[in-house]
Amino acid sequence: PDLNGHEKYGLGNVKYNISRIRVTAVEFPSASISLLPGTGIKLVIANASLTIDMNWSLRTWMFKDAGRSTVYISKVFVTAIFSMPLDHTGHTLISLTSCRTTSGDIDIKLNGKS
């Protein structure tokens, strides 16, 4: 979904709109799944990266600008643990028990008129 809103900075409000958000690349160079006896499954993703493209616009009382942006997020690490209990009919359910995510670097490129 699009993101829009306003923030108060210094002498006035800044209105923003971020639209057409698209994930254009995802890389998982290192991923593993292991069984945790009595618990479920552990998923570990190491050193992943993500590229996102979007349109943006800003407006203040003094100026307005708009353009395209690319966000590159790298050194992403995810550890997730899933439990796998059986429901009352004997079917396996999958529930996320815990999840931890960290990212190392974020590079933002803004292209606009100003």
PDB file of N, CA and C in Angstrom:
ATOM      1  N   PRO A   1       0.828  -1.205   0.000  1.00  0.00           N
ATOM      2  CA  PRO A   1       0.000   0.000   0.000  1.00  0.00           C
ATOM      3  C   PRO A   1       0.866   1.260   0.000  1.00  0.00           C
ATOM      4  N   ASP A   2       0.292   2.342  -0.465  1.00  0.00           N
ATOM      5  CA  ASP A   2       0.992   3.624  -0.451  1.00  0.00           C
ATOM      6  C   ASP A   2       1.120   4.130   0.979  1.00  0.00           C
ATOM      7  N   LEU A   3       2.153   4.934   1.211  1.00  0.00           N
ATOM      8  CA  LEU A   3       2.368   5.565   2.519  1.00  0.00           C
ATOM      9  C   LEU A   3       2.239   7.065   2.334  1.00  0.00           C
ATOM     10  N   ASN A   4       1.431   7.718   3.180  1.00  0.00           N
ATOM     11  CA  ASN A   4       1.364   9.176   3.131  1.00  0.00           C
ATOM     12  C   ASN A   4       1.052   9.710   4.517  1.00  0.00           C
ATOM     13  N   GLY A   5       1.405  10.963   4.697  1.00  0.00           N
ATOM     14  CA  GLY A   5       1.170  11.584   5.985  1.00  0.00           C
ATOM     15  C   GLY A   5       1.896  12.911   6.072  1.00  0.00           C
ATOM     16  N   HIS A   6       2.103  13.365   7.288  1.00  0.00           N
ATOM     17  CA  HIS A   6       2.834  14.613   7.483  1.00  0.00           C
ATOM     18  C   HIS A   6       3.605  14.543   8.795  1.00  0.00           C
ATOM     19  N   GLU A   7       4.698  15.281   8.826  1.00  0.00           N
ATOM     20  CA  GLU A   7       5.553  15.390  10.011  1.00  0.00           C
ATOM     21  C   GLU A   7       5.858  16.864  10.234  1.00  0.00           C
ATOM     22  N   LYS A   8       6.002  17.250  11.492  1.00  0.00           N
ATOM     23  CA  LYS A   8       6.334  18.637  11.813  1.00  0.00           C
ATOM     24  C   LYS A   8       7.843  18.756  11.978  1.00  0.00           C
ATOM     25  N   TYR A   9       8.461  19.632  11.184  1.00  0.00           N
ATOM     26  CA  TYR A   9       9.889  19.889  11.243  1.00  0.00           C
ATOM     27  C   TYR A   9      10.119  21.386  11.277  1.00  0.00           C
ATOM     28  N   GLY A  10      10.877  21.846  12.232  1.00  0.00           N
ATOM     29  CA  GLY A  10      11.274  23.250  12.282  1.00  0.00           C
ATOM     30  C   GLY A  10      10.117  24.211  12.163  1.00  0.00           C
ATOM     31  N   LEU A  11      10.033  24.908  11.019  1.00  0.00           N
ATOM     32  CA  LEU A  11       9.067  25.978  10.833  1.00  0.00           C
ATOM     33  C   LEU A  11       7.722  25.533  10.273  1.00  0.00           C
ATOM     34  N   GLY A  12       7.552  24.245   9.994  1.00  0.00           N
ATOM     35  CA  GLY A  12       6.271  23.847   9.425  1.00  0.00           C
ATOM     36  C   GLY A  12       6.135  22.359   9.230  1.00  0.00           C
ATOM     37  N   ASN A  13       5.052  21.992   8.546  1.00  0.00           N
ATOM     38  CA  ASN A  13       4.759  20.590   8.273  1.00  0.00           C
ATOM     39  C   ASN A  13       5.348  20.166   6.938  1.00  0.00           C
ATOM     40  N   VAL A  14       5.769  18.917   6.893  1.00  0.00           N
ATOM     41  CA  VAL A  14       6.212  18.298   5.654  1.00  0.00           C
ATOM     42  C   VAL A  14       5.197  17.205   5.320  1.00  0.00           C
ATOM     43  N   LYS A  15       4.536  17.361   4.172  1.00  0.00           N
ATOM     44  CA  LYS A  15       3.607  16.336   3.714  1.00  0.00           C
ATOM     45  C   LYS A  15       4.363  15.417   2.764  1.00  0.00           C
ATOM     46  N   TYR A  16       4.153  14.101   2.911  1.00  0.00           N
ATOM     47  CA  TYR A  16       4.868  13.156   2.060  1.00  0.00           C
ATOM     48  C   TYR A  16       3.910  12.101   1.516  1.00  0.00           C
ATOM     49  N   ASN A  17       4.305  11.539   0.381  1.00  0.00           N
ATOM     50  CA  ASN A  17       3.582  10.442  -0.219  1.00  0.00           C
ATOM     51  C   ASN A  17       4.606   9.495  -0.844  1.00  0.00           C
ATOM     52  N   ILE A  18       4.512   8.221  -0.526  1.00  0.00           N
ATOM     53  CA  ILE A  18       5.361   7.198  -1.127  1.00  0.00           C
ATOM     54  C   ILE A  18       4.423   6.204  -1.792  1.00  0.00           C
ATOM     55  N   SER A  19       4.588   6.025  -3.100  1.00  0.00           N
ATOM     56  CA  SER A  19       3.657   5.181  -3.850  1.00  0.00           C
ATOM     57  C   SER A  19       4.400   4.232  -4.788  1.00  0.00           C
ATOM     58  N   ARG A  20       3.661   3.310  -5.363  1.00  0.00           N
ATOM     59  CA  ARG A  20       4.200   2.315  -6.293  1.00  0.00           C
ATOM     60  C   ARG A  20       5.421   1.606  -5.710  1.00  0.00           C
ATOM     61  N   ILE A  21       5.294   1.166  -4.480  1.00  0.00           N
ATOM     62  CA  ILE A  21       6.379   0.460  -3.797  1.00  0.00           C
ATOM     63  C   ILE A  21       6.460  -0.947  -4.385  1.00  0.00           C
ATOM     64  N   ARG A  22       7.643  -1.295  -4.903  1.00  0.00           N
ATOM     65  CA  ARG A  22       7.835  -2.616  -5.518  1.00  0.00           C
ATOM     66  C   ARG A  22       9.152  -3.216  -5.062  1.00  0.00           C
ATOM     67  N   VAL A  23       9.112  -4.457  -4.666  1.00  0.00           N
ATOM     68  CA  VAL A  23      10.339  -5.197  -4.370  1.00  0.00           C
ATOM     69  C   VAL A  23      10.845  -5.712  -5.711  1.00  0.00           C
ATOM     70  N   THR A  24      12.048  -5.276  -6.108  1.00  0.00           N
ATOM     71  CA  THR A  24      12.566  -5.634  -7.433  1.00  0.00           C
ATOM     72  C   THR A  24      13.635  -6.722  -7.383  1.00  0.00           C
ATOM     73  N   ALA A  25      14.203  -6.983  -6.205  1.00  0.00           N
ATOM     74  CA  ALA A  25      15.205  -8.051  -6.086  1.00  0.00           C
ATOM     75  C   ALA A  25      15.294  -8.515  -4.643  1.00  0.00           C
ATOM     76  N   VAL A  26      15.452  -9.830  -4.478  1.00  0.00           N
ATOM     77  CA  VAL A  26      15.665 -10.432  -3.161  1.00  0.00           C
ATOM     78  C   VAL A  26      16.735 -11.499  -3.339  1.00  0.00           C
ATOM     79  N   GLU A  27      17.725 -11.513  -2.459  1.00  0.00           N
ATOM     80  CA  GLU A  27      18.785 -12.528  -2.514  1.00  0.00           C
ATOM     81  C   GLU A  27      18.936 -13.185  -1.154  1.00  0.00           C
ATOM     82  N   PHE A  28      18.978 -14.507  -1.154  1.00  0.00           N
ATOM     83  CA  PHE A  28      19.211 -15.314   0.042  1.00  0.00           C
ATOM     84  C   PHE A  28      20.456 -16.164  -0.192  1.00  0.00           C
ATOM     85  N   PRO A  29      21.658 -15.597  -0.053  1.00  0.00           N
ATOM     86  CA  PRO A  29      22.866 -16.375  -0.336  1.00  0.00           C
ATOM     87  C   PRO A  29      23.113 -17.512   0.659  1.00  0.00           C
ATOM     88  N   SER A  30      22.556 -17.407   1.835  1.00  0.00           N
ATOM     89  CA  SER A  30      22.763 -18.452   2.839  1.00  0.00           C
ATOM     90  C   SER A  30      21.475 -18.624   3.640  1.00  0.00           C
ATOM     91  N   ALA A  31      20.842 -19.798   3.471  1.00  0.00           N
ATOM     92  CA  ALA A  31      19.622 -20.100   4.210  1.00  0.00           C
ATOM     93  C   ALA A  31      19.674 -21.562   4.639  1.00  0.00           C
ATOM     94  N   SER A  32      19.196 -21.813   5.843  1.00  0.00           N
ATOM     95  CA  SER A  32      19.172 -23.199   6.321  1.00  0.00           C
ATOM     96  C   SER A  32      17.920 -23.444   7.152  1.00  0.00           C
ATOM     97  N   ILE A  33      17.481 -24.689   7.130  1.00  0.00           N
ATOM     98  CA  ILE A  33      16.342 -25.133   7.932  1.00  0.00           C
ATOM     99  C   ILE A  33      16.798 -26.337   8.741  1.00  0.00           C
ATOM    100  N   SER A  34      16.482 -26.321  10.036  1.00  0.00           N
ATOM    101  CA  SER A  34      16.849 -27.464  10.874  1.00  0.00           C
ATOM    102  C   SER A  34      15.667 -27.827  11.768  1.00  0.00           C
ATOM    103  N   LEU A  35      15.609 -29.100  12.137  1.00  0.00           N
ATOM    104  CA  LEU A  35      14.563 -29.575  13.033  1.00  0.00           C
ATOM    105  C   LEU A  35      14.993 -29.367  14.478  1.00  0.00           C
ATOM    106  N   LEU A  36      14.078 -28.900  15.300  1.00  0.00           N
ATOM    107  CA  LEU A  36      14.309 -28.750  16.734  1.00  0.00           C
ATOM    108  C   LEU A  36      13.425 -29.771  17.436  1.00  0.00           C
ATOM    109  N   PRO A  37      13.992 -30.898  17.887  1.00  0.00           N
ATOM    110  CA  PRO A  37      13.181 -31.946  18.493  1.00  0.00           C
ATOM    111  C   PRO A  37      12.314 -31.412  19.635  1.00  0.00           C
ATOM    112  N   GLY A  38      11.037 -31.745  19.580  1.00  0.00           N
ATOM    113  CA  GLY A  38      10.105 -31.320  20.613  1.00  0.00           C
ATOM    114  C   GLY A  38       9.640 -29.885  20.474  1.00  0.00           C
ATOM    115  N   THR A  39      10.187 -29.145  19.515  1.00  0.00           N
ATOM    116  CA  THR A  39       9.827 -27.737  19.339  1.00  0.00           C
ATOM    117  C   THR A  39       9.227 -27.460  17.967  1.00  0.00           C
ATOM    118  N   GLY A  40       9.980 -27.781  16.905  1.00  0.00           N
ATOM    119  CA  GLY A  40       9.504 -27.507  15.552  1.00  0.00           C
ATOM    120  C   GLY A  40      10.640 -27.338  14.577  1.00  0.00           C
ATOM    121  N   ILE A  41      10.612 -26.231  13.861  1.00  0.00           N
ATOM    122  CA  ILE A  41      11.582 -25.967  12.799  1.00  0.00           C
ATOM    123  C   ILE A  41      12.256 -24.622  13.051  1.00  0.00           C
ATOM    124  N   LYS A  42      13.563 -24.567  12.787  1.00  0.00           N
ATOM    125  CA  LYS A  42      14.314 -23.309  12.887  1.00  0.00           C
ATOM    126  C   LYS A  42      14.774 -22.926  11.482  1.00  0.00           C
ATOM    127  N   LEU A  43      14.461 -21.696  11.064  1.00  0.00           N
ATOM    128  CA  LEU A  43      14.870 -21.148   9.777  1.00  0.00           C
ATOM    129  C   LEU A  43      15.883 -20.046  10.037  1.00  0.00           C
ATOM    130  N   VAL A  44      17.038 -20.129   9.379  1.00  0.00           N
ATOM    131  CA  VAL A  44      18.069 -19.096   9.505  1.00  0.00           C
ATOM    132  C   VAL A  44      18.423 -18.597   8.113  1.00  0.00           C
ATOM    133  N   ILE A  45      18.301 -17.294   7.914  1.00  0.00           N
ATOM    134  CA  ILE A  45      18.698 -16.650   6.663  1.00  0.00           C
ATOM    135  C   ILE A  45      19.809 -15.663   7.015  1.00  0.00           C
ATOM    136  N   ALA A  46      20.951 -15.811   6.342  1.00  0.00           N
ATOM    137  CA  ALA A  46      22.100 -14.954   6.650  1.00  0.00           C
ATOM    138  C   ALA A  46      22.530 -14.158   5.424  1.00  0.00           C
ATOM    139  N   ASN A  47      22.875 -12.911   5.657  1.00  0.00           N
ATOM    140  CA  ASN A  47      23.444 -12.026   4.646  1.00  0.00           C
ATOM    141  C   ASN A  47      22.529 -11.839   3.431  1.00  0.00           C
ATOM    142  N   ALA A  48      21.246 -11.732   3.664  1.00  0.00           N
ATOM    143  CA  ALA A  48      20.287 -11.507   2.583  1.00  0.00           C
ATOM    144  C   ALA A  48      20.294 -10.033   2.178  1.00  0.00           C
ATOM    145  N   SER A  49      19.731  -9.757   1.002  1.00  0.00           N
ATOM    146  CA  SER A  49      19.600  -8.369   0.552  1.00  0.00           C
ATOM    147  C   SER A  49      18.275  -8.188  -0.167  1.00  0.00           C
ATOM    148  N   LEU A  50      17.860  -6.925  -0.266  1.00  0.00           N
ATOM    149  CA  LEU A  50      16.547  -6.580  -0.789  1.00  0.00           C
ATOM    150  C   LEU A  50      16.653  -5.234  -1.493  1.00  0.00           C
ATOM    151  N   THR A  51      16.070  -5.128  -2.680  1.00  0.00           N
ATOM    152  CA  THR A  51      16.024  -3.855  -3.404  1.00  0.00           C
ATOM    153  C   THR A  51      14.559  -3.463  -3.611  1.00  0.00           C
ATOM    154  N   ILE A  52      14.242  -2.202  -3.277  1.00  0.00           N
ATOM    155  CA  ILE A  52      12.875  -1.699  -3.370  1.00  0.00           C
ATOM    156  C   ILE A  52      12.888  -0.406  -4.193  1.00  0.00           C
ATOM    157  N   ASP A  53      11.990  -0.322  -5.177  1.00  0.00           N
ATOM    158  CA  ASP A  53      11.816   0.902  -5.961  1.00  0.00           C
ATOM    159  C   ASP A  53      10.490   1.536  -5.587  1.00  0.00           C
ATOM    160  N   MET A  54      10.424   2.873  -5.654  1.00  0.00           N
ATOM    161  CA  MET A  54       9.194   3.578  -5.294  1.00  0.00           C
ATOM    162  C   MET A  54       9.185   4.985  -5.875  1.00  0.00           C
ATOM    163  N   ASN A  55       7.991   5.574  -5.920  1.00  0.00           N
ATOM    164  CA  ASN A  55       7.830   6.994  -6.232  1.00  0.00           C
ATOM    165  C   ASN A  55       7.668   7.740  -4.912  1.00  0.00           C
ATOM    166  N   TRP A  56       8.104   8.994  -4.871  1.00  0.00           N
ATOM    167  CA  TRP A  56       7.949   9.786  -3.651  1.00  0.00           C
ATOM    168  C   TRP A  56       7.610  11.232  -4.017  1.00  0.00           C
ATOM    169  N   SER A  57       6.972  11.906  -3.078  1.00  0.00           N
ATOM    170  CA  SER A  57       6.738  13.349  -3.219  1.00  0.00           C
ATOM    171  C   SER A  57       6.730  13.988  -1.831  1.00  0.00           C
ATOM    172  N   LEU A  58       7.245  15.203  -1.770  1.00  0.00           N
ATOM    173  CA  LEU A  58       7.286  16.007  -0.541  1.00  0.00           C
ATOM    174  C   LEU A  58       6.709  17.375  -0.830  1.00  0.00           C
ATOM    175  N   ARG A  59       6.039  17.954   0.167  1.00  0.00           N
ATOM    176  CA  ARG A  59       5.510  19.302   0.005  1.00  0.00           C
ATOM    177  C   ARG A  59       5.606  20.021   1.344  1.00  0.00           C
ATOM    178  N   THR A  60       6.152  21.228   1.321  1.00  0.00           N
ATOM    179  CA  THR A  60       6.181  22.108   2.494  1.00  0.00           C
ATOM    180  C   THR A  60       5.606  23.452   2.056  1.00  0.00           C
ATOM    181  N   TRP A  61       5.531  24.384   2.967  1.00  0.00           N
ATOM    182  CA  TRP A  61       5.034  25.718   2.616  1.00  0.00           C
ATOM    183  C   TRP A  61       6.005  26.434   1.683  1.00  0.00           C
ATOM    184  N   MET A  62       7.269  25.977   1.662  1.00  0.00           N
ATOM    185  CA  MET A  62       8.295  26.657   0.886  1.00  0.00           C
ATOM    186  C   MET A  62       8.603  25.988  -0.455  1.00  0.00           C
ATOM    187  N   PHE A  63       8.502  24.666  -0.553  1.00  0.00           N
ATOM    188  CA  PHE A  63       8.826  23.987  -1.802  1.00  0.00           C
ATOM    189  C   PHE A  63       8.083  22.655  -1.897  1.00  0.00           C
ATOM    190  N   LYS A  64       8.116  22.113  -3.126  1.00  0.00           N
ATOM    191  CA  LYS A  64       7.599  20.765  -3.333  1.00  0.00           C
ATOM    192  C   LYS A  64       8.525  20.068  -4.316  1.00  0.00           C
ATOM    193  N   ASP A  65       8.607  18.751  -4.192  1.00  0.00           N
ATOM    194  CA  ASP A  65       9.462  17.971  -5.068  1.00  0.00           C
ATOM    195  C   ASP A  65       8.918  16.553  -5.143  1.00  0.00           C
ATOM    196  N   ALA A  66       9.284  15.866  -6.200  1.00  0.00           N
ATOM    197  CA  ALA A  66       8.842  14.489  -6.390  1.00  0.00           C
ATOM    198  C   ALA A  66       9.867  13.767  -7.240  1.00  0.00           C
ATOM    199  N   GLY A  67       9.844  12.449  -7.189  1.00  0.00           N
ATOM    200  CA  GLY A  67      10.772  11.681  -8.012  1.00  0.00           C
ATOM    201  C   GLY A  67      10.664  10.199  -7.728  1.00  0.00           C
ATOM    202  N   ARG A  68      11.723   9.486  -8.092  1.00  0.00           N
ATOM    203  CA  ARG A  68      11.804   8.041  -7.871  1.00  0.00           C
ATOM    204  C   ARG A  68      12.905   7.778  -6.857  1.00  0.00           C
ATOM    205  N   SER A  69      12.812   6.636  -6.200  1.00  0.00           N
ATOM    206  CA  SER A  69      13.797   6.271  -5.197  1.00  0.00           C
ATOM    207  C   SER A  69      14.065   4.773  -5.279  1.00  0.00           C
ATOM    208  N   THR A  70      15.312   4.404  -4.969  1.00  0.00           N
ATOM    209  CA  THR A  70      15.693   3.007  -4.842  1.00  0.00           C
ATOM    210  C   THR A  70      16.302   2.821  -3.467  1.00  0.00           C
ATOM    211  N   VAL A  71      15.826   1.819  -2.742  1.00  0.00           N
ATOM    212  CA  VAL A  71      16.341   1.502  -1.412  1.00  0.00           C
ATOM    213  C   VAL A  71      16.975   0.113  -1.490  1.00  0.00           C
ATOM    214  N   TYR A  72      18.240   0.029  -1.083  1.00  0.00           N
ATOM    215  CA  TYR A  72      18.949  -1.252  -1.066  1.00  0.00           C
ATOM    216  C   TYR A  72      19.272  -1.584   0.381  1.00  0.00           C
ATOM    217  N   ILE A  73      18.745  -2.693   0.865  1.00  0.00           N
ATOM    218  CA  ILE A  73      18.973  -3.142   2.240  1.00  0.00           C
ATOM    219  C   ILE A  73      19.835  -4.391   2.173  1.00  0.00           C
ATOM    220  N   SER A  74      20.967  -4.382   2.877  1.00  0.00           N
ATOM    221  CA  SER A  74      21.865  -5.536   2.831  1.00  0.00           C
ATOM    222  C   SER A  74      22.255  -5.977   4.242  1.00  0.00           C
ATOM    223  N   LYS A  75      22.938  -7.097   4.294  1.00  0.00           N
ATOM    224  CA  LYS A  75      23.362  -7.704   5.561  1.00  0.00           C
ATOM    225  C   LYS A  75      22.158  -7.973   6.464  1.00  0.00           C
ATOM    226  N   VAL A  76      21.105  -8.556   5.863  1.00  0.00           N
ATOM    227  CA  VAL A  76      19.887  -8.886   6.597  1.00  0.00           C
ATOM    228  C   VAL A  76      20.017 -10.308   7.154  1.00  0.00           C
ATOM    229  N   PHE A  77      19.743 -10.438   8.446  1.00  0.00           N
ATOM    230  CA  PHE A  77      19.802 -11.735   9.119  1.00  0.00           C
ATOM    231  C   PHE A  77      18.443 -12.005   9.760  1.00  0.00           C
ATOM    232  N   VAL A  78      17.908 -13.205   9.534  1.00  0.00           N
ATOM    233  CA  VAL A  78      16.607 -13.590  10.078  1.00  0.00           C
ATOM    234  C   VAL A  78      16.746 -14.950  10.748  1.00  0.00           C
ATOM    235  N   THR A  79      16.235 -15.051  11.963  1.00  0.00           N
ATOM    236  CA  THR A  79      16.119 -16.343  12.648  1.00  0.00           C
ATOM    237  C   THR A  79      14.670 -16.480  13.087  1.00  0.00           C
ATOM    238  N   ALA A  80      14.019 -17.551  12.626  1.00  0.00           N
ATOM    239  CA  ALA A  80      12.609 -17.777  12.956  1.00  0.00           C
ATOM    240  C   ALA A  80      12.441 -19.213  13.447  1.00  0.00           C
ATOM    241  N   ILE A  81      11.614 -19.371  14.467  1.00  0.00           N
ATOM    242  CA  ILE A  81      11.299 -20.697  14.983  1.00  0.00           C
ATOM    243  C   ILE A  81       9.791 -20.922  14.835  1.00  0.00           C
ATOM    244  N   PHE A  82       9.452 -22.038  14.218  1.00  0.00           N
ATOM    245  CA  PHE A  82       8.060 -22.404  13.979  1.00  0.00           C
ATOM    246  C   PHE A  82       7.723 -23.635  14.803  1.00  0.00           C
ATOM    247  N   SER A  83       6.592 -23.617  15.502  1.00  0.00           N
ATOM    248  CA  SER A  83       6.112 -24.817  16.189  1.00  0.00           C
ATOM    249  C   SER A  83       5.137 -25.523  15.254  1.00  0.00           C
ATOM    250  N   MET A  84       4.989 -26.831  15.438  1.00  0.00           N
ATOM    251  CA  MET A  84       4.146 -27.619  14.546  1.00  0.00           C
ATOM    252  C   MET A  84       3.247 -28.562  15.331  1.00  0.00           C
ATOM    253  N   PRO A  85       2.300 -28.003  16.106  1.00  0.00           N
ATOM    254  CA  PRO A  85       1.384 -28.875  16.859  1.00  0.00           C
ATOM    255  C   PRO A  85       0.317 -29.472  15.938  1.00  0.00           C
ATOM    256  N   LEU A  86      -0.370 -30.458  16.419  1.00  0.00           N
ATOM    257  CA  LEU A  86      -1.499 -31.045  15.700  1.00  0.00           C
ATOM    258  C   LEU A  86      -2.794 -30.415  16.196  1.00  0.00           C
ATOM    259  N   ASP A  87      -3.731 -30.184  15.281  1.00  0.00           N
ATOM    260  CA  ASP A  87      -5.030 -29.671  15.704  1.00  0.00           C
ATOM    261  C   ASP A  87      -5.909 -30.840  16.175  1.00  0.00           C
ATOM    262  N   HIS A  88      -7.164 -30.565  16.543  1.00  0.00           N
ATOM    263  CA  HIS A  88      -8.049 -31.592  17.104  1.00  0.00           C
ATOM    264  C   HIS A  88      -8.421 -32.688  16.089  1.00  0.00           C
ATOM    265  N   THR A  89      -8.165 -32.430  14.788  1.00  0.00           N
ATOM    266  CA  THR A  89      -8.448 -33.446  13.773  1.00  0.00           C
ATOM    267  C   THR A  89      -7.199 -34.230  13.376  1.00  0.00           C
ATOM    268  N   GLY A  90      -6.059 -33.872  13.977  1.00  0.00           N
ATOM    269  CA  GLY A  90      -4.811 -34.564  13.661  1.00  0.00           C
ATOM    270  C   GLY A  90      -3.993 -33.924  12.560  1.00  0.00           C
ATOM    271  N   HIS A  91      -4.453 -32.790  12.024  1.00  0.00           N
ATOM    272  CA  HIS A  91      -3.697 -32.085  10.990  1.00  0.00           C
ATOM    273  C   HIS A  91      -2.624 -31.210  11.637  1.00  0.00           C
ATOM    274  N   THR A  92      -1.505 -31.059  10.958  1.00  0.00           N
ATOM    275  CA  THR A  92      -0.399 -30.245  11.464  1.00  0.00           C
ATOM    276  C   THR A  92      -0.686 -28.763  11.255  1.00  0.00           C
ATOM    277  N   LEU A  93      -0.489 -27.987  12.286  1.00  0.00           N
ATOM    278  CA  LEU A  93      -0.567 -26.529  12.216  1.00  0.00           C
ATOM    279  C   LEU A  93       0.856 -25.987  12.242  1.00  0.00           C
ATOM    280  N   ILE A  94       1.070 -24.845  11.632  1.00  0.00           N
ATOM    281  CA  ILE A  94       2.379 -24.190  11.706  1.00  0.00           C
ATOM    282  C   ILE A  94       2.167 -22.815  12.309  1.00  0.00           C
ATOM    283  N   SER A  95       2.886 -22.540  13.419  1.00  0.00           N
ATOM    284  CA  SER A  95       2.785 -21.249  14.099  1.00  0.00           C
ATOM    285  C   SER A  95       4.167 -20.661  14.279  1.00  0.00           C
ATOM    286  N   LEU A  96       4.284 -19.369  14.044  1.00  0.00           N
ATOM    287  CA  LEU A  96       5.545 -18.674  14.289  1.00  0.00           C
ATOM    288  C   LEU A  96       5.683 -18.455  15.787  1.00  0.00           C
ATOM    289  N   THR A  97       6.714 -19.061  16.382  1.00  0.00           N
ATOM    290  CA  THR A  97       6.939 -18.952  17.819  1.00  0.00           C
ATOM    291  C   THR A  97       7.806 -17.749  18.155  1.00  0.00           C
ATOM    292  N   SER A  98       8.860 -17.549  17.368  1.00  0.00           N
ATOM    293  CA  SER A  98       9.726 -16.388  17.587  1.00  0.00           C
ATOM    294  C   SER A  98      10.384 -15.996  16.270  1.00  0.00           C
ATOM    295  N   CYS A  99      10.734 -14.717  16.175  1.00  0.00           N
ATOM    296  CA  CYS A  99      11.383 -14.216  14.966  1.00  0.00           C
ATOM    297  C   CYS A  99      12.282 -13.045  15.354  1.00  0.00           C
ATOM    298  N   ARG A 100      13.494 -13.065  14.840  1.00  0.00           N
ATOM    299  CA  ARG A 100      14.423 -11.962  15.079  1.00  0.00           C
ATOM    300  C   ARG A 100      15.052 -11.585  13.749  1.00  0.00           C
ATOM    301  N   THR A 101      15.043 -10.278  13.444  1.00  0.00           N
ATOM    302  CA  THR A 101      15.586  -9.780  12.188  1.00  0.00           C
ATOM    303  C   THR A 101      16.485  -8.583  12.466  1.00  0.00           C
ATOM    304  N   THR A 102      17.637  -8.556  11.811  1.00  0.00           N
ATOM    305  CA  THR A 102      18.525  -7.391  11.884  1.00  0.00           C
ATOM    306  C   THR A 102      18.981  -7.055  10.471  1.00  0.00           C
ATOM    307  N   SER A 103      19.260  -5.777  10.241  1.00  0.00           N
ATOM    308  CA  SER A 103      19.820  -5.368   8.949  1.00  0.00           C
ATOM    309  C   SER A 103      21.048  -4.517   9.209  1.00  0.00           C
ATOM    310  N   GLY A 104      22.023  -4.650   8.331  1.00  0.00           N
ATOM    311  CA  GLY A 104      23.294  -3.965   8.528  1.00  0.00           C
ATOM    312  C   GLY A 104      23.383  -2.624   7.825  1.00  0.00           C
ATOM    313  N   ASP A 105      23.090  -2.603   6.532  1.00  0.00           N
ATOM    314  CA  ASP A 105      23.258  -1.382   5.740  1.00  0.00           C
ATOM    315  C   ASP A 105      21.987  -1.063   4.960  1.00  0.00           C
ATOM    316  N   ILE A 106      21.677   0.237   4.880  1.00  0.00           N
ATOM    317  CA  ILE A 106      20.571   0.707   4.057  1.00  0.00           C
ATOM    318  C   ILE A 106      21.089   1.851   3.212  1.00  0.00           C
ATOM    319  N   ASP A 107      20.971   1.709   1.887  1.00  0.00           N
ATOM    320  CA  ASP A 107      21.415   2.723   0.943  1.00  0.00           C
ATOM    321  C   ASP A 107      20.181   3.267   0.228  1.00  0.00           C
ATOM    322  N   ILE A 108      19.962   4.586   0.303  1.00  0.00           N
ATOM    323  CA  ILE A 108      18.791   5.217  -0.303  1.00  0.00           C
ATOM    324  C   ILE A 108      19.245   6.193  -1.383  1.00  0.00           C
ATOM    325  N   LYS A 109      18.727   6.011  -2.599  1.00  0.00           N
ATOM    326  CA  LYS A 109      19.038   6.934  -3.689  1.00  0.00           C
ATOM    327  C   LYS A 109      17.746   7.644  -4.072  1.00  0.00           C
ATOM    328  N   LEU A 110      17.745   8.970  -3.978  1.00  0.00           N
ATOM    329  CA  LEU A 110      16.592   9.786  -4.332  1.00  0.00           C
ATOM    330  C   LEU A 110      16.877  10.512  -5.634  1.00  0.00           C
ATOM    331  N   ASN A 111      15.966  10.415  -6.577  1.00  0.00           N
ATOM    332  CA  ASN A 111      16.060  11.158  -7.830  1.00  0.00           C
ATOM    333  C   ASN A 111      14.845  12.059  -7.906  1.00  0.00           C
ATOM    334  N   GLY A 112      15.082  13.369  -7.983  1.00  0.00           N
ATOM    335  CA  GLY A 112      13.985  14.329  -8.045  1.00  0.00           C
ATOM    336  C   GLY A 112      14.381  15.553  -8.828  1.00  0.00           C
ATOM    337  N   LYS A 113      13.489  16.498  -8.898  1.00  0.00           N
ATOM    338  CA  LYS A 113      13.739  17.722  -9.646  1.00  0.00           C
ATOM    339  C   LYS A 113      14.750  18.629  -8.950  1.00  0.00           C
ATOM    340  N   SER A 114      14.685  18.675  -7.611  1.00  0.00           N
ATOM    341  CA  SER A 114      15.617  19.534  -6.877  1.00  0.00           C
ATOM    342  C   SER A 114      16.898  18.791  -6.668  1.00  0.00           C
TER     343      SER A 114
END
